[in-house]
Amino acid sequence: MTNSEMQFLRGPQSRPREFFRAVHIFIECIRGFRKFNFVGPCVTVFGSARFKEDHMYYQLTRELGAEIAKVGFSVMTGGGSGLMEAASRGAKDVGGRSIGCTIVLPHEQKPNKYLDSFVEFQHFFVRKLMLVKYSYAFVAAPGGFGTMDELFEVITLIQTQKIKNFLVVLMGSAYWQPLLDFMKKMSEEGTIYAMDMDRILVSDSPKDIAALIRRHTLKEFGGPTPKRMKASRLLLEK
């Protein structure tokens, strides 16, 4: 954590300091908006930074990235190593587009070499905003705290109707089964509705996941080809 981030989390501070922090966050948002307005419809893939190339989950996620690209979507990830790299690499394998939302951390989060475009963020909440804002579906490959954080934020946004009923898929049924069992207990205890369980699909087939995403997008949004924004020379976007 940088000194500025530590200061940000220390509670109330002077008005000028709080003002300039707000300006910094605003600028970070604008940087993301300017970069990602032109990348086309995306599918976001969440997953651990820690799995290596020889792991089965890396190979599975690489195949997922390729299948997503084949059905017309850009692949968006956190831009780092592990399964984020695998999804980006899969998209590039088939000539697709790979987008990254990287974050400044003391470890793990250097941009991977398979990204066509990326923006580096200081704040997790701005990064998560970008990972959600430009995507039509979300796939969670096996991961840790960060993946869980991103997954449950998306589910909460859908549950509370802050975003539309986008598709959420867990890839890796054996890995996610304990979580699904706990969510079933949550449903039985009444802390979530039974219908909340229906918001999440589970699959081990990248091809099936890509087909589900395409069908859902065609049904809900008319396909993965919305009106594209055009870059402006006046706004220095070209």
Foldseek 3Di string as FASTA:
>chain_A
DDPLVVVVPPDDDDPVSVVVVVVVLVVLLVVLCLFPLFQFEAEEEEAAQPDDPPDPLLQLLLCLLQLLQVQPHEYEYQQWHDSLLSSLNSLVVNPGAYEHEFEDDPDTTDGDPSHPYYDYDDDPVSSLCSSPVRYQAYEYEYHDDVSVVSLVVVLVCCVVVVDDLGAYEYADCVRCVVVLVVVVVCCVVPVDPPVSSVSYHYDNHSNVVSVVNQVVCCVPPNGRGDDGDDADVVVVSD
